[in-house]
PDB file of N, CA and C in Angstrom:
ATOM      1  N   MET A   1      90.080  -0.992  19.394  1.00  0.00           N
ATOM      2  CA  MET A   1      88.937  -1.417  18.605  1.00  0.00           C
ATOM      3  C   MET A   1      88.914  -0.637  17.287  1.00  0.00           C
ATOM      4  N   LYS A   2      88.775  -1.395  16.219  1.00  0.00           N
ATOM      5  CA  LYS A   2      88.756  -0.750  14.908  1.00  0.00           C
ATOM      6  C   LYS A   2      87.382  -0.158  14.632  1.00  0.00           C
ATOM      7  N   ARG A   3      87.386   1.013  14.066  1.00  0.00           N
ATOM      8  CA  ARG A   3      86.131   1.652  13.674  1.00  0.00           C
ATOM      9  C   ARG A   3      85.911   1.404  12.192  1.00  0.00           C
ATOM     10  N   ILE A   4      84.680   1.248  11.818  1.00  0.00           N
ATOM     11  CA  ILE A   4      84.358   1.141  10.398  1.00  0.00           C
ATOM     12  C   ILE A   4      84.024   2.534   9.902  1.00  0.00           C
ATOM     13  N   ILE A   5      84.857   2.996   9.000  1.00  0.00           N
ATOM     14  CA  ILE A   5      84.676   4.336   8.447  1.00  0.00           C
ATOM     15  C   ILE A   5      84.462   4.192   6.946  1.00  0.00           C
ATOM     16  N   ALA A   6      83.383   4.682   6.471  1.00  0.00           N
ATOM     17  CA  ALA A   6      83.121   4.639   5.033  1.00  0.00           C
ATOM     18  C   ALA A   6      83.426   6.007   4.449  1.00  0.00           C
ATOM     19  N   VAL A   7      84.203   6.004   3.398  1.00  0.00           N
ATOM     20  CA  VAL A   7      84.534   7.243   2.724  1.00  0.00           C
ATOM     21  C   VAL A   7      83.682   7.303   1.458  1.00  0.00           C
ATOM     22  N   ILE A   8      82.802   8.266   1.430  1.00  0.00           N
ATOM     23  CA  ILE A   8      81.941   8.413   0.270  1.00  0.00           C
ATOM     24  C   ILE A   8      82.195   9.794  -0.337  1.00  0.00           C
ATOM     25  N   LEU A   9      82.694   9.764  -1.558  1.00  0.00           N
ATOM     26  CA  LEU A   9      82.976  11.013  -2.264  1.00  0.00           C
ATOM     27  C   LEU A   9      82.154  11.030  -3.543  1.00  0.00           C
ATOM     28  N   ALA A  10      81.461  12.097  -3.783  1.00  0.00           N
ATOM     29  CA  ALA A  10      80.637  12.166  -4.988  1.00  0.00           C
ATOM     30  C   ALA A  10      80.802  13.525  -5.656  1.00  0.00           C
ATOM     31  N   VAL A  11      80.646  13.521  -6.931  1.00  0.00           N
ATOM     32  CA  VAL A  11      80.694  14.758  -7.696  1.00  0.00           C
ATOM     33  C   VAL A  11      79.255  15.101  -8.043  1.00  0.00           C
ATOM     34  N   PHE A  12      78.787  16.261  -7.579  1.00  0.00           N
ATOM     35  CA  PHE A  12      77.417  16.691  -7.822  1.00  0.00           C
ATOM     36  C   PHE A  12      77.407  17.951  -8.676  1.00  0.00           C
ATOM     37  N   LEU A  13      76.367  18.106  -9.423  1.00  0.00           N
ATOM     38  CA  LEU A  13      76.151  19.355 -10.155  1.00  0.00           C
ATOM     39  C   LEU A  13      75.558  20.369  -9.198  1.00  0.00           C
ATOM     40  N   LEU A  14      75.071  21.453  -9.690  1.00  0.00           N
ATOM     41  CA  LEU A  14      74.506  22.494  -8.840  1.00  0.00           C
ATOM     42  C   LEU A  14      73.427  21.932  -7.926  1.00  0.00           C
ATOM     43  N   CYS A  15      73.323  22.455  -6.711  1.00  0.00           N
ATOM     44  CA  CYS A  15      72.370  21.957  -5.732  1.00  0.00           C
ATOM     45  C   CYS A  15      70.940  21.981  -6.254  1.00  0.00           C
ATOM     46  N   GLY A  16      70.571  22.990  -6.967  1.00  0.00           N
ATOM     47  CA  GLY A  16      69.219  23.070  -7.504  1.00  0.00           C
ATOM     48  C   GLY A  16      68.897  21.929  -8.434  1.00  0.00           C
ATOM     49  N   VAL A  17      69.881  21.490  -9.210  1.00  0.00           N
ATOM     50  CA  VAL A  17      69.670  20.393 -10.145  1.00  0.00           C
ATOM     51  C   VAL A  17      69.542  19.073  -9.398  1.00  0.00           C
ATOM     52  N   SER A  18      70.263  18.915  -8.306  1.00  0.00           N
ATOM     53  CA  SER A  18      70.253  17.641  -7.592  1.00  0.00           C
ATOM     54  C   SER A  18      68.916  17.347  -6.933  1.00  0.00           C
ATOM     55  N   TYR A  19      68.062  18.352  -6.757  1.00  0.00           N
ATOM     56  CA  TYR A  19      66.768  18.144  -6.140  1.00  0.00           C
ATOM     57  C   TYR A  19      65.635  18.049  -7.156  1.00  0.00           C
ATOM     58  N   ALA A  20      65.951  18.117  -8.454  1.00  0.00           N
ATOM     59  CA  ALA A  20      64.936  18.051  -9.492  1.00  0.00           C
ATOM     60  C   ALA A  20      64.364  16.636  -9.577  1.00  0.00           C
ATOM     61  N   ASP A  21      63.153  16.521 -10.092  1.00  0.00           N
ATOM     62  CA  ASP A  21      62.530  15.210 -10.259  1.00  0.00           C
ATOM     63  C   ASP A  21      63.355  14.357 -11.210  1.00  0.00           C
ATOM     64  N   VAL A  22      63.552  13.090 -10.834  1.00  0.00           N
ATOM     65  CA  VAL A  22      64.337  12.168 -11.645  1.00  0.00           C
ATOM     66  C   VAL A  22      63.443  11.563 -12.720  1.00  0.00           C
ATOM     67  N   ILE A  23      63.876  11.696 -13.969  1.00  0.00           N
ATOM     68  CA  ILE A  23      63.159  11.133 -15.106  1.00  0.00           C
ATOM     69  C   ILE A  23      63.711   9.747 -15.422  1.00  0.00           C
ATOM     70  N   TYR A  24      65.017   9.599 -15.316  1.00  0.00           N
ATOM     71  CA  TYR A  24      65.702   8.332 -15.613  1.00  0.00           C
ATOM     72  C   TYR A  24      66.876   8.203 -14.664  1.00  0.00           C
ATOM     73  N   GLU A  25      67.140   6.969 -14.208  1.00  0.00           N
ATOM     74  CA  GLU A  25      68.303   6.740 -13.347  1.00  0.00           C
ATOM     75  C   GLU A  25      68.883   5.366 -13.633  1.00  0.00           C
ATOM     76  N   ASN A  26      70.190   5.306 -13.754  1.00  0.00           N
ATOM     77  CA  ASN A  26      70.918   4.057 -13.945  1.00  0.00           C
ATOM     78  C   ASN A  26      72.032   4.014 -12.906  1.00  0.00           C
ATOM     79  N   VAL A  27      72.070   2.946 -12.087  1.00  0.00           N
ATOM     80  CA  VAL A  27      73.076   2.795 -11.040  1.00  0.00           C
ATOM     81  C   VAL A  27      73.839   1.508 -11.288  1.00  0.00           C
ATOM     82  N   GLN A  28      75.173   1.619 -11.348  1.00  0.00           N
ATOM     83  CA  GLN A  28      76.029   0.449 -11.534  1.00  0.00           C
ATOM     84  C   GLN A  28      77.095   0.447 -10.447  1.00  0.00           C
ATOM     85  N   SER A  29      77.213  -0.684  -9.738  1.00  0.00           N
ATOM     86  CA  SER A  29      78.231  -0.810  -8.695  1.00  0.00           C
ATOM     87  C   SER A  29      79.156  -1.966  -9.032  1.00  0.00           C
ATOM     88  N   ARG A  30      80.427  -1.784  -8.670  1.00  0.00           N
ATOM     89  CA  ARG A  30      81.399  -2.873  -8.866  1.00  0.00           C
ATOM     90  C   ARG A  30      82.429  -2.816  -7.750  1.00  0.00           C
ATOM     91  N   THR A  31      82.939  -3.973  -7.413  1.00  0.00           N
ATOM     92  CA  THR A  31      83.999  -4.069  -6.419  1.00  0.00           C
ATOM     93  C   THR A  31      85.327  -3.830  -7.117  1.00  0.00           C
ATOM     94  N   ILE A  32      86.093  -2.867  -6.617  1.00  0.00           N
ATOM     95  CA  ILE A  32      87.409  -2.586  -7.183  1.00  0.00           C
ATOM     96  C   ILE A  32      88.425  -3.553  -6.596  1.00  0.00           C
ATOM     97  N   THR A  33      88.382  -3.706  -5.293  1.00  0.00           N
ATOM     98  CA  THR A  33      89.213  -4.645  -4.565  1.00  0.00           C
ATOM     99  C   THR A  33      88.531  -4.890  -3.228  1.00  0.00           C
ATOM    100  N   ARG A  34      89.005  -5.849  -2.456  1.00  0.00           N
ATOM    101  CA  ARG A  34      88.368  -6.125  -1.172  1.00  0.00           C
ATOM    102  C   ARG A  34      88.329  -4.851  -0.332  1.00  0.00           C
ATOM    103  N   GLY A  35      87.120  -4.447   0.074  1.00  0.00           N
ATOM    104  CA  GLY A  35      86.972  -3.254   0.905  1.00  0.00           C
ATOM    105  C   GLY A  35      86.735  -1.960   0.157  1.00  0.00           C
ATOM    106  N   VAL A  36      86.775  -1.996  -1.178  1.00  0.00           N
ATOM    107  CA  VAL A  36      86.589  -0.770  -1.971  1.00  0.00           C
ATOM    108  C   VAL A  36      85.590  -1.039  -3.099  1.00  0.00           C
ATOM    109  N   THR A  37      84.531  -0.207  -3.150  1.00  0.00           N
ATOM    110  CA  THR A  37      83.551  -0.322  -4.229  1.00  0.00           C
ATOM    111  C   THR A  37      83.408   1.019  -4.947  1.00  0.00           C
ATOM    112  N   HIS A  38      83.071   0.931  -6.224  1.00  0.00           N
ATOM    113  CA  HIS A  38      82.810   2.114  -7.044  1.00  0.00           C
ATOM    114  C   HIS A  38      81.367   2.029  -7.517  1.00  0.00           C
ATOM    115  N   THR A  39      80.610   3.105  -7.325  1.00  0.00           N
ATOM    116  CA  THR A  39      79.244   3.180  -7.819  1.00  0.00           C
ATOM    117  C   THR A  39      79.146   4.351  -8.775  1.00  0.00           C
ATOM    118  N   TYR A  40      78.609   4.077  -9.957  1.00  0.00           N
ATOM    119  CA  TYR A  40      78.389   5.108 -10.969  1.00  0.00           C
ATOM    120  C   TYR A  40      76.887   5.313 -11.091  1.00  0.00           C
ATOM    121  N   ILE A  41      76.464   6.556 -10.942  1.00  0.00           N
ATOM    122  CA  ILE A  41      75.049   6.901 -11.012  1.00  0.00           C
ATOM    123  C   ILE A  41      74.867   7.902 -12.140  1.00  0.00           C
ATOM    124  N   GLU A  42      73.970   7.576 -13.041  1.00  0.00           N
ATOM    125  CA  GLU A  42      73.646   8.470 -14.144  1.00  0.00           C
ATOM    126  C   GLU A  42      72.164   8.794 -14.043  1.00  0.00           C
ATOM    127  N   LYS A  43      71.855  10.084 -13.945  1.00  0.00           N
ATOM    128  CA  LYS A  43      70.467  10.518 -13.777  1.00  0.00           C
ATOM    129  C   LYS A  43      70.106  11.549 -14.829  1.00  0.00           C
ATOM    130  N   LEU A  44      68.879  11.460 -15.306  1.00  0.00           N
ATOM    131  CA  LEU A  44      68.307  12.523 -16.120  1.00  0.00           C
ATOM    132  C   LEU A  44      67.220  13.157 -15.276  1.00  0.00           C
ATOM    133  N   THR A  45      67.375  14.436 -14.993  1.00  0.00           N
ATOM    134  CA  THR A  45      66.399  15.171 -14.196  1.00  0.00           C
ATOM    135  C   THR A  45      65.811  16.289 -15.047  1.00  0.00           C
ATOM    136  N   GLU A  46      64.853  16.976 -14.485  1.00  0.00           N
ATOM    137  CA  GLU A  46      64.279  18.115 -15.192  1.00  0.00           C
ATOM    138  C   GLU A  46      65.338  19.170 -15.504  1.00  0.00           C
ATOM    139  N   GLY A  47      66.387  19.209 -14.702  1.00  0.00           N
ATOM    140  CA  GLY A  47      67.467  20.170 -14.887  1.00  0.00           C
ATOM    141  C   GLY A  47      68.578  19.701 -15.785  1.00  0.00           C
ATOM    142  N   GLY A  48      68.546  18.455 -16.247  1.00  0.00           N
ATOM    143  CA  GLY A  48      69.593  17.932 -17.117  1.00  0.00           C
ATOM    144  C   GLY A  48      70.210  16.655 -16.563  1.00  0.00           C
ATOM    145  N   TRP A  49      71.288  16.240 -17.189  1.00  0.00           N
ATOM    146  CA  TRP A  49      71.976  15.007 -16.806  1.00  0.00           C
ATOM    147  C   TRP A  49      72.906  15.236 -15.634  1.00  0.00           C
ATOM    148  N   GLN A  50      72.999  14.234 -14.771  1.00  0.00           N
ATOM    149  CA  GLN A  50      73.984  14.198 -13.687  1.00  0.00           C
ATOM    150  C   GLN A  50      74.765  12.899 -13.823  1.00  0.00           C
ATOM    151  N   LYS A  51      76.054  12.978 -13.691  1.00  0.00           N
ATOM    152  CA  LYS A  51      76.921  11.794 -13.697  1.00  0.00           C
ATOM    153  C   LYS A  51      77.705  11.830 -12.402  1.00  0.00           C
ATOM    154  N   ILE A  52      77.462  10.850 -11.545  1.00  0.00           N
ATOM    155  CA  ILE A  52      77.999  10.856 -10.182  1.00  0.00           C
ATOM    156  C   ILE A  52      78.839   9.602  -9.979  1.00  0.00           C
ATOM    157  N   ASN A  53      80.055   9.783  -9.441  1.00  0.00           N
ATOM    158  CA  ASN A  53      80.931   8.666  -9.097  1.00  0.00           C
ATOM    159  C   ASN A  53      81.120   8.655  -7.594  1.00  0.00           C
ATOM    160  N   VAL A  54      80.934   7.481  -6.974  1.00  0.00           N
ATOM    161  CA  VAL A  54      81.085   7.332  -5.525  1.00  0.00           C
ATOM    162  C   VAL A  54      82.079   6.200  -5.262  1.00  0.00           C
ATOM    163  N   ILE A  55      83.094   6.504  -4.457  1.00  0.00           N
ATOM    164  CA  ILE A  55      84.033   5.474  -4.001  1.00  0.00           C
ATOM    165  C   ILE A  55      83.742   5.248  -2.525  1.00  0.00           C
ATOM    166  N   LYS A  56      83.495   4.001  -2.145  1.00  0.00           N
ATOM    167  CA  LYS A  56      83.248   3.663  -0.746  1.00  0.00           C
ATOM    168  C   LYS A  56      84.360   2.721  -0.295  1.00  0.00           C
ATOM    169  N   ALA A  57      85.040   3.115   0.792  1.00  0.00           N
ATOM    170  CA  ALA A  57      86.175   2.336   1.290  1.00  0.00           C
ATOM    171  C   ALA A  57      85.950   1.971   2.750  1.00  0.00           C
ATOM    172  N   ASP A  58      86.110   0.696   3.066  1.00  0.00           N
ATOM    173  CA  ASP A  58      86.009   0.213   4.440  1.00  0.00           C
ATOM    174  C   ASP A  58      87.398   0.303   5.066  1.00  0.00           C
ATOM    175  N   LEU A  59      87.634   1.354   5.841  1.00  0.00           N
ATOM    176  CA  LEU A  59      88.962   1.597   6.396  1.00  0.00           C
ATOM    177  C   LEU A  59      89.342   0.626   7.505  1.00  0.00           C
ATOM    178  N   SER A  60      88.391  -0.190   7.961  1.00  0.00           N
ATOM    179  CA  SER A  60      88.745  -1.218   8.953  1.00  0.00           C
ATOM    180  C   SER A  60      89.334  -2.455   8.274  1.00  0.00           C
ATOM    181  N   ASP A  61      89.239  -2.520   6.956  1.00  0.00           N
ATOM    182  CA  ASP A  61      89.817  -3.630   6.193  1.00  0.00           C
ATOM    183  C   ASP A  61      91.317  -3.412   6.056  1.00  0.00           C
ATOM    184  N   SER A  62      92.100  -4.407   6.410  1.00  0.00           N
ATOM    185  CA  SER A  62      93.566  -4.278   6.346  1.00  0.00           C
ATOM    186  C   SER A  62      94.063  -4.107   4.919  1.00  0.00           C
ATOM    187  N   ASN A  63      93.224  -4.392   3.943  1.00  0.00           N
ATOM    188  CA  ASN A  63      93.586  -4.249   2.534  1.00  0.00           C
ATOM    189  C   ASN A  63      93.463  -2.800   2.059  1.00  0.00           C
ATOM    190  N   VAL A  64      92.828  -1.940   2.860  1.00  0.00           N
ATOM    191  CA  VAL A  64      92.504  -0.572   2.439  1.00  0.00           C
ATOM    192  C   VAL A  64      93.369   0.442   3.176  1.00  0.00           C
ATOM    193  N   ASP A  65      93.869   1.399   2.414  1.00  0.00           N
ATOM    194  CA  ASP A  65      94.650   2.499   2.987  1.00  0.00           C
ATOM    195  C   ASP A  65      94.311   3.768   2.216  1.00  0.00           C
ATOM    196  N   VAL A  66      94.175   4.851   2.912  1.00  0.00           N
ATOM    197  CA  VAL A  66      93.909   6.140   2.274  1.00  0.00           C
ATOM    198  C   VAL A  66      95.134   7.022   2.485  1.00  0.00           C
ATOM    199  N   SER A  67      95.613   7.616   1.410  1.00  0.00           N
ATOM    200  CA  SER A  67      96.771   8.491   1.530  1.00  0.00           C
ATOM    201  C   SER A  67      96.726   9.560   0.446  1.00  0.00           C
ATOM    202  N   VAL A  68      97.542  10.569   0.614  1.00  0.00           N
ATOM    203  CA  VAL A  68      97.658  11.658  -0.356  1.00  0.00           C
ATOM    204  C   VAL A  68      98.644  11.224  -1.425  1.00  0.00           C
ATOM    205  N   LEU A  69      98.271  11.425  -2.678  1.00  0.00           N
ATOM    206  CA  LEU A  69      99.161  11.079  -3.778  1.00  0.00           C
ATOM    207  C   LEU A  69      99.840  12.334  -4.295  1.00  0.00           C
ATOM    208  N   TYR A  70     101.119  12.209  -4.570  1.00  0.00           N
ATOM    209  CA  TYR A  70     101.848  13.308  -5.200  1.00  0.00           C
ATOM    210  C   TYR A  70     102.925  12.699  -6.085  1.00  0.00           C
ATOM    211  N   SER A  71     103.369  13.475  -7.034  1.00  0.00           N
ATOM    212  CA  SER A  71     104.312  13.010  -8.035  1.00  0.00           C
ATOM    213  C   SER A  71     105.687  12.742  -7.421  1.00  0.00           C
ATOM    214  N   SER A  72     106.388  11.778  -7.985  1.00  0.00           N
ATOM    215  CA  SER A  72     107.766  11.510  -7.561  1.00  0.00           C
ATOM    216  C   SER A  72     108.692  12.674  -7.940  1.00  0.00           C
ATOM    217  N   LYS A  73     108.200  13.564  -8.811  1.00  0.00           N
ATOM    218  CA  LYS A  73     108.977  14.736  -9.218  1.00  0.00           C
ATOM    219  C   LYS A  73     108.862  15.874  -8.211  1.00  0.00           C
ATOM    220  N   GLY A  74     108.013  15.708  -7.212  1.00  0.00           N
ATOM    221  CA  GLY A  74     107.859  16.731  -6.183  1.00  0.00           C
ATOM    222  C   GLY A  74     106.406  17.081  -5.934  1.00  0.00           C
ATOM    223  N   ILE A  75     106.158  17.620  -4.759  1.00  0.00           N
ATOM    224  CA  ILE A  75     104.787  17.913  -4.358  1.00  0.00           C
ATOM    225  C   ILE A  75     104.173  19.039  -5.180  1.00  0.00           C
ATOM    226  N   SER A  76     104.979  19.937  -5.740  1.00  0.00           N
ATOM    227  CA  SER A  76     104.444  21.050  -6.515  1.00  0.00           C
ATOM    228  C   SER A  76     104.320  20.726  -8.005  1.00  0.00           C
ATOM    229  N   TYR A  77     104.719  19.522  -8.414  1.00  0.00           N
ATOM    230  CA  TYR A  77     104.620  19.121  -9.819  1.00  0.00           C
ATOM    231  C   TYR A  77     103.178  18.758 -10.143  1.00  0.00           C
ATOM    232  N   ARG A  78     102.628  19.391 -11.182  1.00  0.00           N
ATOM    233  CA  ARG A  78     101.233  19.135 -11.573  1.00  0.00           C
ATOM    234  C   ARG A  78     101.150  17.878 -12.423  1.00  0.00           C
ATOM    235  N   SER A  79     100.143  17.071 -12.139  1.00  0.00           N
ATOM    236  CA  SER A  79      99.928  15.835 -12.877  1.00  0.00           C
ATOM    237  C   SER A  79      98.443  15.504 -12.855  1.00  0.00           C
ATOM    238  N   THR A  80      98.012  14.621 -13.749  1.00  0.00           N
ATOM    239  CA  THR A  80      96.604  14.217 -13.741  1.00  0.00           C
ATOM    240  C   THR A  80      96.363  13.187 -12.633  1.00  0.00           C
ATOM    241  N   VAL A  81      95.123  13.075 -12.218  1.00  0.00           N
ATOM    242  CA  VAL A  81      94.762  12.119 -11.171  1.00  0.00           C
ATOM    243  C   VAL A  81      95.076  10.701 -11.639  1.00  0.00           C
ATOM    244  N   SER A  82      94.750  10.390 -12.886  1.00  0.00           N
ATOM    245  CA  SER A  82      95.009   9.042 -13.386  1.00  0.00           C
ATOM    246  C   SER A  82      96.508   8.730 -13.427  1.00  0.00           C
ATOM    247  N   ALA A  83      97.332   9.712 -13.778  1.00  0.00           N
ATOM    248  CA  ALA A  83      98.788   9.502 -13.802  1.00  0.00           C
ATOM    249  C   ALA A  83      99.323   9.286 -12.387  1.00  0.00           C
ATOM    250  N   LEU A  84      98.825  10.067 -11.427  1.00  0.00           N
ATOM    251  CA  LEU A  84      99.254   9.896 -10.028  1.00  0.00           C
ATOM    252  C   LEU A  84      98.837   8.534  -9.483  1.00  0.00           C
ATOM    253  N   ALA A  85      97.627   8.096  -9.808  1.00  0.00           N
ATOM    254  CA  ALA A  85      97.156   6.787  -9.360  1.00  0.00           C
ATOM    255  C   ALA A  85      98.035   5.678  -9.919  1.00  0.00           C
ATOM    256  N   LYS A  86      98.352   5.774 -11.199  1.00  0.00           N
ATOM    257  CA  LYS A  86      99.201   4.766 -11.839  1.00  0.00           C
ATOM    258  C   LYS A  86     100.605   4.759 -11.224  1.00  0.00           C
ATOM    259  N   GLU A  87     101.186   5.931 -11.051  1.00  0.00           N
ATOM    260  CA  GLU A  87     102.536   6.048 -10.498  1.00  0.00           C
ATOM    261  C   GLU A  87     102.628   5.493  -9.069  1.00  0.00           C
ATOM    262  N   ASN A  88     101.539   5.643  -8.297  1.00  0.00           N
ATOM    263  CA  ASN A  88     101.528   5.215  -6.909  1.00  0.00           C
ATOM    264  C   ASN A  88     100.844   3.867  -6.685  1.00  0.00           C
ATOM    265  N   ASN A  89     100.505   3.161  -7.784  1.00  0.00           N
ATOM    266  CA  ASN A  89      99.849   1.853  -7.716  1.00  0.00           C
ATOM    267  C   ASN A  89      98.550   1.881  -6.930  1.00  0.00           C
ATOM    268  N   ALA A  90      97.795   2.969  -7.058  1.00  0.00           N
ATOM    269  CA  ALA A  90      96.507   3.102  -6.373  1.00  0.00           C
ATOM    270  C   ALA A  90      95.420   2.416  -7.198  1.00  0.00           C
ATOM    271  N   VAL A  91      94.439   1.803  -6.533  1.00  0.00           N
ATOM    272  CA  VAL A  91      93.332   1.175  -7.242  1.00  0.00           C
ATOM    273  C   VAL A  91      92.213   2.179  -7.486  1.00  0.00           C
ATOM    274  N   ALA A  92      92.207   3.289  -6.736  1.00  0.00           N
ATOM    275  CA  ALA A  92      91.210   4.342  -6.936  1.00  0.00           C
ATOM    276  C   ALA A  92      91.827   5.663  -6.495  1.00  0.00           C
ATOM    277  N   ALA A  93      91.417   6.736  -7.151  1.00  0.00           N
ATOM    278  CA  ALA A  93      91.920   8.067  -6.784  1.00  0.00           C
ATOM    279  C   ALA A  93      90.856   9.102  -7.088  1.00  0.00           C
ATOM    280  N   ILE A  94      90.808  10.134  -6.258  1.00  0.00           N
ATOM    281  CA  ILE A  94      89.827  11.194  -6.411  1.00  0.00           C
ATOM    282  C   ILE A  94      90.533  12.536  -6.317  1.00  0.00           C
ATOM    283  N   ASN A  95      90.200  13.420  -7.253  1.00  0.00           N
ATOM    284  CA  ASN A  95      90.746  14.768  -7.220  1.00  0.00           C
ATOM    285  C   ASN A  95      90.044  15.538  -6.107  1.00  0.00           C
ATOM    286  N   ALA A  96      90.801  16.002  -5.140  1.00  0.00           N
ATOM    287  CA  ALA A  96      90.198  16.683  -3.990  1.00  0.00           C
ATOM    288  C   ALA A  96      90.873  18.005  -3.707  1.00  0.00           C
ATOM    289  N   ASP A  97      91.309  18.705  -4.753  1.00  0.00           N
ATOM    290  CA  ASP A  97      91.939  19.995  -4.522  1.00  0.00           C
ATOM    291  C   ASP A  97      90.876  21.041  -4.498  1.00  0.00           C
TER     292      ASP A  97
END
């Protein structure tokens, strides 16, 4: 039986800022591909601006696969996330070091 696993990764500012009263919020979601959505959240709080990116992936979808990306030049070769995504034909990538 396949399990539905949602992968939600977000970039947050300091914890104290994330609990501040929200003055303004804009949320935009788009489908990247079947089973993968990207949500961009922009908030103005008493502590300042927050810009949050969330990737949600339905791992029970046969179209979705999660894997570690590394350069064809070797695992120790440093590269940008966008370059690794392009090289590996990924539709979404997140820096998780």
